[in-house]
Amino acid sequence: MLPKQHRLIRREDFATTFDRGSYTSIHEGVAIKFVKTILPDSRIGFPIGKNFSKKAAARNRARRVLRAATFQFLSQLKPGFDIIILIKPGYKNIEHKKVTEDLKKVFIKANLLK
């Protein structure tokens, strides 16, 4: 579970990040949108919709795996960003190790790691 100060929760924050955020992706199926904020910590959100899977269990598992993989990078992320982690529908059988590698590639590409 992510600490409360690192969670992107409010609908307005998601909308702002989607509207004004920069997009970075890799071919494997993970993408991010991020926007700079004035907050001291980076906040992260995981919108996993029905376009990923019609089954709630699959969406919840994907969300859990993404949260666990992202938790490892919290201390390495630059402060002051709202980040939305998107997962593409073709990325069905996700495993923690693969997701961690893909997130690291995306964070490096977006220059979000310290």
N, C-alpha and C. Protein backbone atom coordinates (compact mmCIF):
# COMPACT_ATOMS: atom_id res chain seq x y z
N MET A 1 0.84 -1.18 0.00
CA MET A 1 0.00 0.00 0.00
C MET A 1 0.89 1.25 0.00
N LEU A 2 0.53 2.18 -0.81
CA LEU A 2 1.28 3.43 -0.86
C LEU A 2 0.92 4.30 0.34
N PRO A 3 1.89 5.01 0.89
CA PRO A 3 1.57 5.96 1.97
C PRO A 3 0.59 7.02 1.46
N LYS A 4 -0.21 7.54 2.36
CA LYS A 4 -1.29 8.46 1.98
C LYS A 4 -0.78 9.69 1.21
N GLN A 5 0.39 10.23 1.61
CA GLN A 5 0.89 11.43 0.94
C GLN A 5 1.34 11.15 -0.50
N HIS A 6 1.47 9.88 -0.87
CA HIS A 6 1.90 9.52 -2.22
C HIS A 6 0.75 9.03 -3.10
N ARG A 7 -0.49 9.12 -2.61
CA ARG A 7 -1.63 8.65 -3.38
C ARG A 7 -2.31 9.80 -4.11
N LEU A 8 -2.60 9.58 -5.36
CA LEU A 8 -3.38 10.53 -6.15
C LEU A 8 -4.83 10.04 -6.07
N ILE A 9 -5.69 10.80 -5.41
CA ILE A 9 -7.03 10.31 -5.10
C ILE A 9 -8.14 11.13 -5.76
N ARG A 10 -8.04 12.45 -5.68
CA ARG A 10 -9.15 13.31 -6.09
C ARG A 10 -9.36 13.30 -7.61
N ARG A 11 -10.61 13.32 -8.01
CA ARG A 11 -10.98 13.32 -9.42
C ARG A 11 -10.39 14.54 -10.15
N GLU A 12 -10.35 15.68 -9.48
CA GLU A 12 -9.80 16.90 -10.09
C GLU A 12 -8.30 16.74 -10.40
N ASP A 13 -7.58 16.07 -9.50
CA ASP A 13 -6.15 15.86 -9.72
C ASP A 13 -5.91 14.92 -10.91
N PHE A 14 -6.73 13.88 -11.02
CA PHE A 14 -6.62 13.00 -12.18
C PHE A 14 -6.92 13.77 -13.47
N ALA A 15 -7.98 14.59 -13.45
CA ALA A 15 -8.36 15.35 -14.64
C ALA A 15 -7.26 16.32 -15.06
N THR A 16 -6.66 17.00 -14.08
CA THR A 16 -5.58 17.93 -14.38
C THR A 16 -4.40 17.22 -14.99
N THR A 17 -4.05 16.07 -14.43
CA THR A 17 -2.90 15.32 -14.94
C THR A 17 -3.19 14.80 -16.34
N PHE A 18 -4.39 14.30 -16.58
CA PHE A 18 -4.74 13.83 -17.91
C PHE A 18 -4.74 14.96 -18.93
N ASP A 19 -5.26 16.13 -18.54
CA ASP A 19 -5.38 17.24 -19.48
C ASP A 19 -4.05 17.93 -19.78
N ARG A 20 -3.27 18.21 -18.74
CA ARG A 20 -2.06 19.01 -18.92
C ARG A 20 -0.77 18.21 -18.82
N GLY A 21 -0.88 16.91 -18.57
CA GLY A 21 0.31 16.10 -18.32
C GLY A 21 1.05 15.69 -19.59
N SER A 22 2.32 15.38 -19.42
CA SER A 22 3.15 14.85 -20.49
C SER A 22 2.99 13.33 -20.52
N TYR A 23 3.07 12.75 -21.71
CA TYR A 23 2.86 11.32 -21.88
C TYR A 23 4.16 10.64 -22.26
N THR A 24 4.47 9.54 -21.59
CA THR A 24 5.65 8.74 -21.91
C THR A 24 5.25 7.28 -21.85
N SER A 25 5.69 6.51 -22.85
CA SER A 25 5.36 5.08 -22.84
C SER A 25 6.52 4.28 -23.41
N ILE A 26 6.42 2.98 -23.20
CA ILE A 26 7.31 2.03 -23.85
C ILE A 26 6.42 1.02 -24.55
N HIS A 27 6.99 0.23 -25.41
CA HIS A 27 6.17 -0.68 -26.22
C HIS A 27 5.58 -1.83 -25.43
N GLU A 28 6.14 -2.17 -24.27
CA GLU A 28 5.71 -3.35 -23.54
C GLU A 28 4.32 -3.23 -22.92
N GLY A 29 3.79 -2.06 -22.73
CA GLY A 29 2.43 -1.97 -22.24
C GLY A 29 2.21 -1.05 -21.06
N VAL A 30 3.24 -0.41 -20.53
CA VAL A 30 3.09 0.52 -19.42
C VAL A 30 3.36 1.92 -19.94
N ALA A 31 2.52 2.86 -19.53
CA ALA A 31 2.70 4.26 -19.91
C ALA A 31 2.41 5.13 -18.69
N ILE A 32 2.91 6.36 -18.72
CA ILE A 32 2.62 7.30 -17.63
C ILE A 32 2.24 8.66 -18.20
N LYS A 33 1.44 9.37 -17.45
CA LYS A 33 1.19 10.79 -17.67
C LYS A 33 1.61 11.48 -16.39
N PHE A 34 2.31 12.59 -16.52
CA PHE A 34 2.79 13.27 -15.33
C PHE A 34 2.77 14.77 -15.53
N VAL A 35 2.60 15.48 -14.42
CA VAL A 35 2.59 16.93 -14.44
C VAL A 35 3.29 17.43 -13.18
N LYS A 36 4.00 18.52 -13.29
CA LYS A 36 4.72 19.11 -12.15
C LYS A 36 3.73 19.84 -11.24
N THR A 37 3.93 19.66 -9.93
CA THR A 37 3.08 20.33 -8.94
C THR A 37 3.96 21.06 -7.93
N ILE A 38 3.34 21.77 -7.01
CA ILE A 38 4.09 22.50 -5.98
C ILE A 38 4.18 21.70 -4.69
N LEU A 39 3.65 20.49 -4.68
CA LEU A 39 3.65 19.67 -3.47
C LEU A 39 5.04 19.11 -3.17
N PRO A 40 5.33 18.82 -1.90
CA PRO A 40 6.66 18.32 -1.55
C PRO A 40 6.89 16.85 -1.92
N ASP A 41 5.81 16.10 -2.15
CA ASP A 41 5.93 14.68 -2.51
C ASP A 41 5.29 14.43 -3.86
N SER A 42 5.75 13.40 -4.53
CA SER A 42 5.10 12.96 -5.76
C SER A 42 3.93 12.07 -5.40
N ARG A 43 2.83 12.22 -6.15
CA ARG A 43 1.64 11.41 -5.92
C ARG A 43 1.40 10.54 -7.15
N ILE A 44 0.90 9.33 -6.91
CA ILE A 44 0.75 8.36 -7.99
C ILE A 44 -0.67 7.79 -7.98
N GLY A 45 -1.27 7.66 -9.17
CA GLY A 45 -2.60 7.08 -9.32
C GLY A 45 -2.60 5.96 -10.35
N PHE A 46 -3.55 5.05 -10.21
CA PHE A 46 -3.63 3.87 -11.06
C PHE A 46 -5.05 3.70 -11.61
N PRO A 47 -5.42 4.37 -12.68
CA PRO A 47 -6.76 4.18 -13.24
C PRO A 47 -6.79 2.96 -14.16
N ILE A 48 -7.29 1.84 -13.66
CA ILE A 48 -7.40 0.62 -14.45
C ILE A 48 -8.87 0.46 -14.81
N GLY A 49 -9.21 0.69 -16.06
CA GLY A 49 -10.61 0.68 -16.47
C GLY A 49 -11.04 -0.63 -17.10
N LYS A 50 -12.29 -0.65 -17.53
CA LYS A 50 -12.85 -1.86 -18.13
C LYS A 50 -12.27 -2.15 -19.51
N ASN A 51 -11.54 -1.21 -20.08
CA ASN A 51 -10.87 -1.50 -21.34
C ASN A 51 -9.70 -2.47 -21.14
N PHE A 52 -9.19 -2.56 -19.90
CA PHE A 52 -8.13 -3.52 -19.60
C PHE A 52 -8.72 -4.92 -19.47
N SER A 53 -9.78 -5.06 -18.69
CA SER A 53 -10.45 -6.35 -18.52
C SER A 53 -11.87 -6.09 -18.01
N LYS A 54 -12.79 -6.91 -18.44
CA LYS A 54 -14.16 -6.78 -17.96
C LYS A 54 -14.30 -7.32 -16.53
N LYS A 55 -13.36 -8.15 -16.12
CA LYS A 55 -13.43 -8.79 -14.81
C LYS A 55 -12.75 -7.94 -13.74
N ALA A 56 -13.49 -7.67 -12.67
CA ALA A 56 -12.97 -6.85 -11.58
C ALA A 56 -11.75 -7.49 -10.93
N ALA A 57 -11.73 -8.80 -10.84
CA ALA A 57 -10.60 -9.49 -10.20
C ALA A 57 -9.31 -9.24 -10.98
N ALA A 58 -9.39 -9.25 -12.30
CA ALA A 58 -8.20 -8.99 -13.13
C ALA A 58 -7.74 -7.54 -12.98
N ARG A 59 -8.69 -6.61 -12.94
CA ARG A 59 -8.33 -5.19 -12.77
C ARG A 59 -7.71 -4.96 -11.40
N ASN A 60 -8.28 -5.57 -10.35
CA ASN A 60 -7.74 -5.40 -9.00
C ASN A 60 -6.35 -6.00 -8.88
N ARG A 61 -6.11 -7.15 -9.50
CA ARG A 61 -4.79 -7.76 -9.47
C ARG A 61 -3.77 -6.87 -10.18
N ALA A 62 -4.15 -6.32 -11.33
CA ALA A 62 -3.26 -5.42 -12.05
C ALA A 62 -2.92 -4.20 -11.20
N ARG A 63 -3.92 -3.66 -10.52
CA ARG A 63 -3.69 -2.50 -9.65
C ARG A 63 -2.75 -2.85 -8.50
N ARG A 64 -2.93 -4.02 -7.90
CA ARG A 64 -2.06 -4.46 -6.80
C ARG A 64 -0.63 -4.64 -7.27
N VAL A 65 -0.45 -5.25 -8.42
CA VAL A 65 0.91 -5.47 -8.95
C VAL A 65 1.57 -4.13 -9.27
N LEU A 66 0.82 -3.20 -9.86
CA LEU A 66 1.38 -1.88 -10.18
C LEU A 66 1.76 -1.13 -8.90
N ARG A 67 0.91 -1.19 -7.88
CA ARG A 67 1.21 -0.52 -6.61
C ARG A 67 2.47 -1.09 -5.97
N ALA A 68 2.59 -2.41 -5.96
CA ALA A 68 3.76 -3.05 -5.35
C ALA A 68 5.03 -2.70 -6.12
N ALA A 69 4.95 -2.67 -7.44
CA ALA A 69 6.12 -2.32 -8.24
C ALA A 69 6.49 -0.85 -8.06
N THR A 70 5.50 0.01 -7.95
CA THR A 70 5.75 1.45 -7.79
C THR A 70 6.32 1.76 -6.42
N PHE A 71 5.93 1.01 -5.41
CA PHE A 71 6.40 1.25 -4.05
C PHE A 71 7.92 1.23 -3.96
N GLN A 72 8.56 0.41 -4.78
CA GLN A 72 10.02 0.31 -4.77
C GLN A 72 10.69 1.60 -5.26
N PHE A 73 9.99 2.39 -6.05
CA PHE A 73 10.57 3.60 -6.64
C PHE A 73 10.24 4.88 -5.88
N LEU A 74 9.46 4.80 -4.81
CA LEU A 74 9.04 6.02 -4.11
C LEU A 74 10.21 6.86 -3.63
N SER A 75 11.23 6.23 -3.09
CA SER A 75 12.37 7.00 -2.58
C SER A 75 13.24 7.54 -3.71
N GLN A 76 13.12 6.99 -4.90
CA GLN A 76 13.94 7.41 -6.03
C GLN A 76 13.25 8.46 -6.91
N LEU A 77 11.95 8.64 -6.75
CA LEU A 77 11.22 9.60 -7.59
C LEU A 77 11.54 11.03 -7.19
N LYS A 78 11.61 11.89 -8.18
CA LYS A 78 11.78 13.32 -7.90
C LYS A 78 10.51 13.84 -7.24
N PRO A 79 10.64 14.75 -6.28
CA PRO A 79 9.44 15.26 -5.60
C PRO A 79 8.68 16.26 -6.47
N GLY A 80 7.39 16.39 -6.18
CA GLY A 80 6.58 17.43 -6.81
C GLY A 80 5.96 17.05 -8.13
N PHE A 81 5.60 15.80 -8.34
CA PHE A 81 4.95 15.38 -9.57
C PHE A 81 3.68 14.61 -9.24
N ASP A 82 2.64 14.80 -10.06
CA ASP A 82 1.47 13.93 -10.05
C ASP A 82 1.66 12.97 -11.22
N ILE A 83 1.62 11.68 -10.94
CA ILE A 83 1.92 10.66 -11.95
C ILE A 83 0.74 9.71 -12.03
N ILE A 84 0.30 9.45 -13.25
CA ILE A 84 -0.73 8.45 -13.49
C ILE A 84 -0.07 7.32 -14.27
N ILE A 85 -0.18 6.12 -13.74
CA ILE A 85 0.40 4.95 -14.40
C ILE A 85 -0.71 4.23 -15.14
N LEU A 86 -0.55 4.14 -16.46
CA LEU A 86 -1.54 3.52 -17.33
C LEU A 86 -1.03 2.15 -17.78
N ILE A 87 -1.93 1.23 -17.94
CA ILE A 87 -1.57 -0.10 -18.42
C ILE A 87 -2.39 -0.38 -19.68
N LYS A 88 -1.74 -0.85 -20.72
CA LYS A 88 -2.42 -1.09 -21.98
C LYS A 88 -3.17 -2.42 -21.94
N PRO A 89 -4.28 -2.52 -22.67
CA PRO A 89 -5.12 -3.73 -22.60
C PRO A 89 -4.41 -5.02 -22.99
N GLY A 90 -3.41 -4.97 -23.83
CA GLY A 90 -2.72 -6.18 -24.25
C GLY A 90 -1.75 -6.73 -23.22
N TYR A 91 -1.63 -6.10 -22.09
CA TYR A 91 -0.65 -6.45 -21.05
C TYR A 91 -1.34 -7.31 -20.00
N LYS A 92 -1.92 -8.43 -20.40
CA LYS A 92 -2.79 -9.21 -19.53
C LYS A 92 -2.06 -9.95 -18.41
N ASN A 93 -1.16 -10.84 -18.72
CA ASN A 93 -0.52 -11.68 -17.71
C ASN A 93 0.67 -10.95 -17.10
N ILE A 94 0.38 -10.00 -16.24
CA ILE A 94 1.45 -9.19 -15.68
C ILE A 94 2.06 -9.87 -14.46
N GLU A 95 3.37 -9.76 -14.38
CA GLU A 95 4.10 -10.29 -13.24
C GLU A 95 4.91 -9.15 -12.63
N HIS A 96 5.14 -9.25 -11.35
CA HIS A 96 5.79 -8.18 -10.59
C HIS A 96 7.16 -7.80 -11.17
N LYS A 97 7.96 -8.78 -11.49
CA LYS A 97 9.32 -8.52 -11.98
C LYS A 97 9.29 -7.76 -13.31
N LYS A 98 8.43 -8.19 -14.22
CA LYS A 98 8.31 -7.55 -15.54
C LYS A 98 7.80 -6.11 -15.40
N VAL A 99 6.80 -5.92 -14.55
CA VAL A 99 6.23 -4.59 -14.35
C VAL A 99 7.28 -3.66 -13.74
N THR A 100 8.06 -4.16 -12.79
CA THR A 100 9.10 -3.34 -12.17
C THR A 100 10.12 -2.88 -13.21
N GLU A 101 10.54 -3.79 -14.07
CA GLU A 101 11.50 -3.43 -15.13
C GLU A 101 10.91 -2.39 -16.07
N ASP A 102 9.64 -2.59 -16.47
CA ASP A 102 9.00 -1.66 -17.40
C ASP A 102 8.79 -0.28 -16.77
N LEU A 103 8.40 -0.25 -15.49
CA LEU A 103 8.23 1.04 -14.82
C LEU A 103 9.55 1.78 -14.71
N LYS A 104 10.62 1.06 -14.43
CA LYS A 104 11.92 1.71 -14.35
C LYS A 104 12.30 2.34 -15.69
N LYS A 105 12.04 1.62 -16.79
CA LYS A 105 12.33 2.16 -18.13
C LYS A 105 11.52 3.43 -18.39
N VAL A 106 10.24 3.40 -18.02
CA VAL A 106 9.37 4.56 -18.27
C VAL A 106 9.80 5.74 -17.40
N PHE A 107 10.11 5.49 -16.13
CA PHE A 107 10.54 6.58 -15.25
C PHE A 107 11.86 7.20 -15.72
N ILE A 108 12.78 6.37 -16.20
CA ILE A 108 14.05 6.88 -16.72
C ILE A 108 13.79 7.70 -17.99
N LYS A 109 12.94 7.19 -18.88
CA LYS A 109 12.63 7.91 -20.12
C LYS A 109 11.99 9.26 -19.83
N ALA A 110 11.16 9.32 -18.79
CA ALA A 110 10.48 10.57 -18.43
C ALA A 110 11.34 11.46 -17.54
N ASN A 111 12.51 10.99 -17.15
CA ASN A 111 13.43 11.73 -16.29
C ASN A 111 12.79 12.06 -14.93
N LEU A 112 12.14 11.06 -14.34
CA LEU A 112 11.48 11.25 -13.05
C LEU A 112 12.26 10.66 -11.89
N LEU A 113 13.33 9.93 -12.17
CA LEU A 113 14.15 9.37 -11.09
C LEU A 113 15.26 10.33 -10.74
N LYS A 114 15.63 10.34 -9.45
CA LYS A 114 16.70 11.24 -8.97
C LYS A 114 18.03 10.82 -9.55
